[in-house]
Amino acid sequence: MAGLLFLAFAYLAVGQAAANRNGAQTAADAAALAAALDTRDQLRDEWVLNILDPTKWQAIFDGDGVPFDGCARAGQLAAQNNATVTGCDSLPGLPPGYKVETRNDKSVGDSIVPGTESRHATESATAVIDPICDFELPGAGADPAVLPKLTCRDREWTLDPEDLTNLPGPEDLFDVHLADDE
């Protein structure tokens, strides 16, 4: 009987640790996505500022032109998930993104396994920002007042420099998703 009771407590300890680890992973995922979404919105704002100069569009879609400062937003989302960001790095290159590491605020707790009462789960997640639009720059001698047609997935945007009220949103220009940690 004592052996079964010990086994039950051992399973409970493993369950506590697994739940704590899942919480840390959720916090890391949310934090990485929050950082990437914040930067995605800044990239869209930069594109709008430069909409009349299509020669700058590709650099913006490649992640150039804005500071990658989404780590503050990552910290906010981690805190909402009872965790703390222990590392946040922007990832240059294509696709750009963030790698975020979190630590659960709550420890694994008391169990029959000695030393677990002060152990905290740590996890990491990576989120990337993929541009989803294509365009062709006009050739030499083309009318500079005509903007290129922007094709984003299955939707085309005909941009009129005289009426820039119906522009694509950040979610139309970029896809943000979790990526495998390397």
C-alpha atoms as a PDB file:
ATOM      1  CA  MET A   1       0.000   0.000   0.000  1.00  0.00           C
ATOM      2  CA  ALA A   2       2.841   2.387   0.877  1.00  0.00           C
ATOM      3  CA  GLY A   3       4.400   1.692  -2.531  1.00  0.00           C
ATOM      4  CA  LEU A   4       1.177   2.626  -4.334  1.00  0.00           C
ATOM      5  CA  LEU A   5       0.873   5.795  -2.297  1.00  0.00           C
ATOM      6  CA  PHE A   6       4.482   6.725  -3.136  1.00  0.00           C
ATOM      7  CA  LEU A   7       3.796   6.019  -6.813  1.00  0.00           C
ATOM      8  CA  ALA A   8       0.711   8.240  -6.723  1.00  0.00           C
ATOM      9  CA  PHE A   9       2.703  11.085  -5.203  1.00  0.00           C
ATOM     10  CA  ALA A  10       5.450  10.592  -7.800  1.00  0.00           C
ATOM     11  CA  TYR A  11       2.905  10.865 -10.620  1.00  0.00           C
ATOM     12  CA  LEU A  12       1.521  13.995  -8.995  1.00  0.00           C
ATOM     13  CA  ALA A  13       5.020  15.519  -8.890  1.00  0.00           C
ATOM     14  CA  VAL A  14       5.559  14.711 -12.564  1.00  0.00           C
ATOM     15  CA  GLY A  15       2.177  16.225 -13.373  1.00  0.00           C
ATOM     16  CA  GLN A  16       3.011  19.401 -11.454  1.00  0.00           C
ATOM     17  CA  ALA A  17       6.313  19.733 -13.319  1.00  0.00           C
ATOM     18  CA  ALA A  18       4.627  19.132 -16.685  1.00  0.00           C
ATOM     19  CA  ALA A  19       1.929  21.728 -15.978  1.00  0.00           C
ATOM     20  CA  ASN A  20       4.588  24.231 -14.904  1.00  0.00           C
ATOM     21  CA  ARG A  21       6.609  23.561 -18.059  1.00  0.00           C
ATOM     22  CA  ASN A  22       3.493  23.942 -20.256  1.00  0.00           C
ATOM     23  CA  GLY A  23       2.812  27.291 -18.598  1.00  0.00           C
ATOM     24  CA  ALA A  24       6.356  28.438 -19.331  1.00  0.00           C
ATOM     25  CA  GLN A  25       6.021  27.346 -22.975  1.00  0.00           C
ATOM     26  CA  THR A  26       2.718  29.189 -23.333  1.00  0.00           C
ATOM     27  CA  ALA A  27       4.330  32.318 -21.906  1.00  0.00           C
ATOM     28  CA  ALA A  28       7.321  32.007 -24.253  1.00  0.00           C
ATOM     29  CA  ASP A  29       5.082  31.487 -27.296  1.00  0.00           C
ATOM     30  CA  ALA A  30       2.877  34.463 -26.402  1.00  0.00           C
ATOM     31  CA  ALA A  31       5.886  36.682 -25.701  1.00  0.00           C
ATOM     32  CA  ALA A  32       7.661  35.837 -28.957  1.00  0.00           C
ATOM     33  CA  LEU A  33       4.478  36.388 -30.977  1.00  0.00           C
ATOM     34  CA  ALA A  34       3.818  39.701 -29.199  1.00  0.00           C
ATOM     35  CA  ALA A  35       7.314  40.972 -30.022  1.00  0.00           C
ATOM     36  CA  ALA A  36       6.973  39.956 -33.670  1.00  0.00           C
ATOM     37  CA  LEU A  37       3.473  41.440 -33.998  1.00  0.00           C
ATOM     38  CA  ASP A  38       4.665  44.723 -32.524  1.00  0.00           C
ATOM     39  CA  THR A  39       7.476  44.903 -35.086  1.00  0.00           C
ATOM     40  CA  ARG A  40       5.135  43.811 -37.894  1.00  0.00           C
ATOM     41  CA  ASP A  41       2.937  46.811 -37.106  1.00  0.00           C
ATOM     42  CA  GLN A  42       5.984  49.104 -37.188  1.00  0.00           C
ATOM     43  CA  LEU A  43       7.022  47.662 -40.564  1.00  0.00           C
ATOM     44  CA  ARG A  44       3.567  48.409 -41.941  1.00  0.00           C
ATOM     45  CA  ASP A  45       3.780  51.977 -40.601  1.00  0.00           C
ATOM     46  CA  GLU A  46       7.175  52.389 -42.277  1.00  0.00           C
ATOM     47  CA  TRP A  47       5.716  51.073 -45.551  1.00  0.00           C
ATOM     48  CA  VAL A  48       2.858  53.611 -45.339  1.00  0.00           C
ATOM     49  CA  LEU A  49       5.368  56.424 -44.754  1.00  0.00           C
ATOM     50  CA  ASN A  50       7.249  55.343 -47.893  1.00  0.00           C
ATOM     51  CA  ILE A  51       4.306  54.281 -50.013  1.00  0.00           C
ATOM     52  CA  LEU A  52       5.029  56.886 -52.685  1.00  0.00           C
ATOM     53  CA  ASP A  53       8.586  55.558 -53.109  1.00  0.00           C
ATOM     54  CA  PRO A  54       8.220  51.912 -54.208  1.00  0.00           C
ATOM     55  CA  THR A  55      12.003  51.555 -54.473  1.00  0.00           C
ATOM     56  CA  LYS A  56      12.028  51.346 -50.643  1.00  0.00           C
ATOM     57  CA  TRP A  57       9.284  48.736 -50.365  1.00  0.00           C
ATOM     58  CA  GLN A  58      11.416  45.603 -50.685  1.00  0.00           C
ATOM     59  CA  ALA A  59      13.795  46.680 -47.928  1.00  0.00           C
ATOM     60  CA  ILE A  60      10.826  47.308 -45.645  1.00  0.00           C
ATOM     61  CA  PHE A  61       9.272  43.931 -46.492  1.00  0.00           C
ATOM     62  CA  ASP A  62      12.659  42.367 -45.696  1.00  0.00           C
ATOM     63  CA  GLY A  63      12.545  43.880 -42.203  1.00  0.00           C
ATOM     64  CA  ASP A  64      14.774  46.889 -42.772  1.00  0.00           C
ATOM     65  CA  GLY A  65      13.864  50.400 -41.761  1.00  0.00           C
ATOM     66  CA  VAL A  66      12.480  49.884 -38.273  1.00  0.00           C
ATOM     67  CA  PRO A  67      14.174  49.110 -34.989  1.00  0.00           C
ATOM     68  CA  PHE A  68      13.446  45.650 -33.680  1.00  0.00           C
ATOM     69  CA  ASP A  69      12.331  46.761 -30.234  1.00  0.00           C
ATOM     70  CA  GLY A  70       9.453  44.392 -29.547  1.00  0.00           C
ATOM     71  CA  CYS A  71      11.045  42.940 -26.413  1.00  0.00           C
ATOM     72  CA  ALA A  72       9.118  45.345 -24.172  1.00  0.00           C
ATOM     73  CA  ARG A  73       5.881  43.947 -25.579  1.00  0.00           C
ATOM     74  CA  ALA A  74       7.234  40.428 -25.040  1.00  0.00           C
ATOM     75  CA  GLY A  75       7.746  41.237 -21.371  1.00  0.00           C
ATOM     76  CA  GLN A  76       4.160  42.435 -21.038  1.00  0.00           C
ATOM     77  CA  LEU A  77       2.718  39.240 -22.508  1.00  0.00           C
ATOM     78  CA  ALA A  78       5.005  37.031 -20.437  1.00  0.00           C
ATOM     79  CA  ALA A  79       3.837  38.827 -17.284  1.00  0.00           C
ATOM     80  CA  GLN A  80       0.209  38.236 -18.268  1.00  0.00           C
ATOM     81  CA  ASN A  81       1.096  34.533 -18.374  1.00  0.00           C
ATOM     82  CA  ASN A  82       2.798  34.563 -14.940  1.00  0.00           C
ATOM     83  CA  ALA A  83       6.312  34.467 -16.347  1.00  0.00           C
ATOM     84  CA  THR A  84       9.357  36.683 -16.768  1.00  0.00           C
ATOM     85  CA  VAL A  85      11.373  37.202 -19.932  1.00  0.00           C
ATOM     86  CA  THR A  86      14.940  36.082 -19.251  1.00  0.00           C
ATOM     87  CA  GLY A  87      16.172  36.627 -22.799  1.00  0.00           C
ATOM     88  CA  CYS A  88      14.872  38.383 -25.888  1.00  0.00           C
ATOM     89  CA  ASP A  89      16.873  38.642 -29.085  1.00  0.00           C
ATOM     90  CA  SER A  90      15.876  39.991 -32.455  1.00  0.00           C
ATOM     91  CA  LEU A  91      16.752  37.692 -35.332  1.00  0.00           C
ATOM     92  CA  PRO A  92      18.127  39.502 -38.362  1.00  0.00           C
ATOM     93  CA  GLY A  93      17.925  38.028 -41.811  1.00  0.00           C
ATOM     94  CA  LEU A  94      15.036  36.573 -43.719  1.00  0.00           C
ATOM     95  CA  PRO A  95      12.614  36.076 -42.205  1.00  0.00           C
ATOM     96  CA  PRO A  96      13.327  38.419 -39.315  1.00  0.00           C
ATOM     97  CA  GLY A  97      11.867  37.693 -35.910  1.00  0.00           C
ATOM     98  CA  TYR A  98      12.502  37.176 -32.210  1.00  0.00           C
ATOM     99  CA  LYS A  99      13.716  34.433 -29.924  1.00  0.00           C
ATOM    100  CA  VAL A 100      12.326  34.813 -26.412  1.00  0.00           C
ATOM    101  CA  GLU A 101      13.168  32.842 -23.267  1.00  0.00           C
ATOM    102  CA  THR A 102      10.867  32.868 -20.252  1.00  0.00           C
ATOM    103  CA  ARG A 103      10.909  31.610 -16.679  1.00  0.00           C
ATOM    104  CA  ASN A 104       7.721  30.804 -14.799  1.00  0.00           C
ATOM    105  CA  ASP A 105       7.094  33.030 -11.793  1.00  0.00           C
ATOM    106  CA  LYS A 106       5.668  30.077  -9.860  1.00  0.00           C
ATOM    107  CA  SER A 107       7.942  27.251  -8.800  1.00  0.00           C
ATOM    108  CA  VAL A 108       7.115  23.613  -9.358  1.00  0.00           C
ATOM    109  CA  GLY A 109       6.056  23.541  -5.711  1.00  0.00           C
ATOM    110  CA  ASP A 110       6.284  21.073  -2.878  1.00  0.00           C
ATOM    111  CA  SER A 111       6.382  17.410  -3.797  1.00  0.00           C
ATOM    112  CA  ILE A 112       8.031  14.204  -2.715  1.00  0.00           C
ATOM    113  CA  VAL A 113      10.959  15.020  -5.001  1.00  0.00           C
ATOM    114  CA  PRO A 114      13.490  17.002  -2.944  1.00  0.00           C
ATOM    115  CA  GLY A 115      14.578  20.388  -4.296  1.00  0.00           C
ATOM    116  CA  THR A 116      11.587  21.010  -6.573  1.00  0.00           C
ATOM    117  CA  GLU A 117      10.016  23.639  -4.321  1.00  0.00           C
ATOM    118  CA  SER A 118      12.400  26.287  -5.644  1.00  0.00           C
ATOM    119  CA  ARG A 119      12.673  25.111  -9.269  1.00  0.00           C
ATOM    120  CA  HIS A 120      11.100  27.215 -12.024  1.00  0.00           C
ATOM    121  CA  ALA A 121      10.348  26.027 -15.546  1.00  0.00           C
ATOM    122  CA  THR A 122      12.112  27.824 -18.388  1.00  0.00           C
ATOM    123  CA  GLU A 123      11.211  27.646 -22.063  1.00  0.00           C
ATOM    124  CA  SER A 124      11.934  29.475 -25.299  1.00  0.00           C
ATOM    125  CA  ALA A 125      10.066  30.264 -28.481  1.00  0.00           C
ATOM    126  CA  THR A 126      10.878  31.845 -31.815  1.00  0.00           C
ATOM    127  CA  ALA A 127       8.442  33.912 -33.874  1.00  0.00           C
ATOM    128  CA  VAL A 128       9.163  35.169 -37.390  1.00  0.00           C
ATOM    129  CA  ILE A 129       7.724  37.868 -39.638  1.00  0.00           C
ATOM    130  CA  ASP A 130       7.199  36.693 -43.224  1.00  0.00           C
ATOM    131  CA  PRO A 131       6.322  39.203 -45.952  1.00  0.00           C
ATOM    132  CA  ILE A 132       3.451  37.834 -48.023  1.00  0.00           C
ATOM    133  CA  CYS A 133       3.325  40.412 -50.824  1.00  0.00           C
ATOM    134  CA  ASP A 134       4.891  40.694 -54.253  1.00  0.00           C
ATOM    135  CA  PHE A 135       5.155  43.667 -56.572  1.00  0.00           C
ATOM    136  CA  GLU A 136       7.017  44.699 -59.680  1.00  0.00           C
ATOM    137  CA  LEU A 137       8.781  48.009 -59.874  1.00  0.00           C
ATOM    138  CA  PRO A 138       7.908  49.975 -63.009  1.00  0.00           C
ATOM    139  CA  GLY A 139      10.560  50.014 -65.699  1.00  0.00           C
ATOM    140  CA  ALA A 140      12.595  52.991 -66.839  1.00  0.00           C
ATOM    141  CA  GLY A 141      10.457  55.726 -68.328  1.00  0.00           C
ATOM    142  CA  ALA A 142       7.317  54.594 -66.490  1.00  0.00           C
ATOM    143  CA  ASP A 143       5.002  57.189 -65.010  1.00  0.00           C
ATOM    144  CA  PRO A 144       6.321  57.839 -61.452  1.00  0.00           C
ATOM    145  CA  ALA A 145       2.790  58.763 -60.348  1.00  0.00           C
ATOM    146  CA  VAL A 146       1.655  55.156 -60.861  1.00  0.00           C
ATOM    147  CA  LEU A 147       2.317  52.826 -57.968  1.00  0.00           C
ATOM    148  CA  PRO A 148       2.996  49.125 -58.497  1.00  0.00           C
ATOM    149  CA  LYS A 149       0.179  46.662 -57.993  1.00  0.00           C
ATOM    150  CA  LEU A 150       0.663  44.831 -54.701  1.00  0.00           C
ATOM    151  CA  THR A 151      -0.265  41.142 -54.625  1.00  0.00           C
ATOM    152  CA  CYS A 152      -0.630  39.704 -51.130  1.00  0.00           C
ATOM    153  CA  ARG A 153      -1.522  36.026 -51.164  1.00  0.00           C
ATOM    154  CA  ASP A 154      -4.726  35.920 -53.208  1.00  0.00           C
ATOM    155  CA  ARG A 155      -5.590  39.609 -53.056  1.00  0.00           C
ATOM    156  CA  GLU A 156      -4.420  42.401 -55.308  1.00  0.00           C
ATOM    157  CA  TRP A 157      -4.171  45.972 -54.154  1.00  0.00           C
ATOM    158  CA  THR A 158      -4.273  48.697 -56.792  1.00  0.00           C
ATOM    159  CA  LEU A 159      -2.797  51.686 -55.025  1.00  0.00           C
ATOM    160  CA  ASP A 160      -3.859  55.136 -56.119  1.00  0.00           C
ATOM    161  CA  PRO A 161      -1.441  57.885 -54.984  1.00  0.00           C
ATOM    162  CA  GLU A 162      -4.359  60.343 -55.071  1.00  0.00           C
ATOM    163  CA  ASP A 163      -6.467  58.206 -52.707  1.00  0.00           C
ATOM    164  CA  LEU A 164      -4.519  56.271 -50.085  1.00  0.00           C
ATOM    165  CA  THR A 165      -7.443  55.596 -47.766  1.00  0.00           C
ATOM    166  CA  ASN A 166      -7.901  51.867 -48.417  1.00  0.00           C
ATOM    167  CA  LEU A 167      -4.453  50.451 -47.705  1.00  0.00           C
ATOM    168  CA  PRO A 168      -3.629  46.911 -46.623  1.00  0.00           C
ATOM    169  CA  GLY A 169      -3.261  46.377 -42.907  1.00  0.00           C
ATOM    170  CA  PRO A 170      -0.288  44.759 -41.185  1.00  0.00           C
ATOM    171  CA  GLU A 171      -1.976  41.351 -41.326  1.00  0.00           C
ATOM    172  CA  ASP A 172      -2.389  41.765 -45.111  1.00  0.00           C
ATOM    173  CA  LEU A 173       1.313  42.479 -45.637  1.00  0.00           C
ATOM    174  CA  PHE A 174       3.008  40.101 -43.181  1.00  0.00           C
ATOM    175  CA  ASP A 175       2.435  36.696 -41.654  1.00  0.00           C
ATOM    176  CA  VAL A 176       3.651  36.241 -38.091  1.00  0.00           C
ATOM    177  CA  HIS A 177       4.032  32.716 -36.771  1.00  0.00           C
ATOM    178  CA  LEU A 178       6.019  30.539 -34.426  1.00  0.00           C
ATOM    179  CA  ALA A 179       9.045  28.793 -35.870  1.00  0.00           C
ATOM    180  CA  ASP A 180      11.105  25.872 -34.669  1.00  0.00           C
ATOM    181  CA  ASP A 181      13.745  26.854 -32.139  1.00  0.00           C
ATOM    182  CA  GLU A 182      17.213  26.193 -33.424  1.00  0.00           C
END
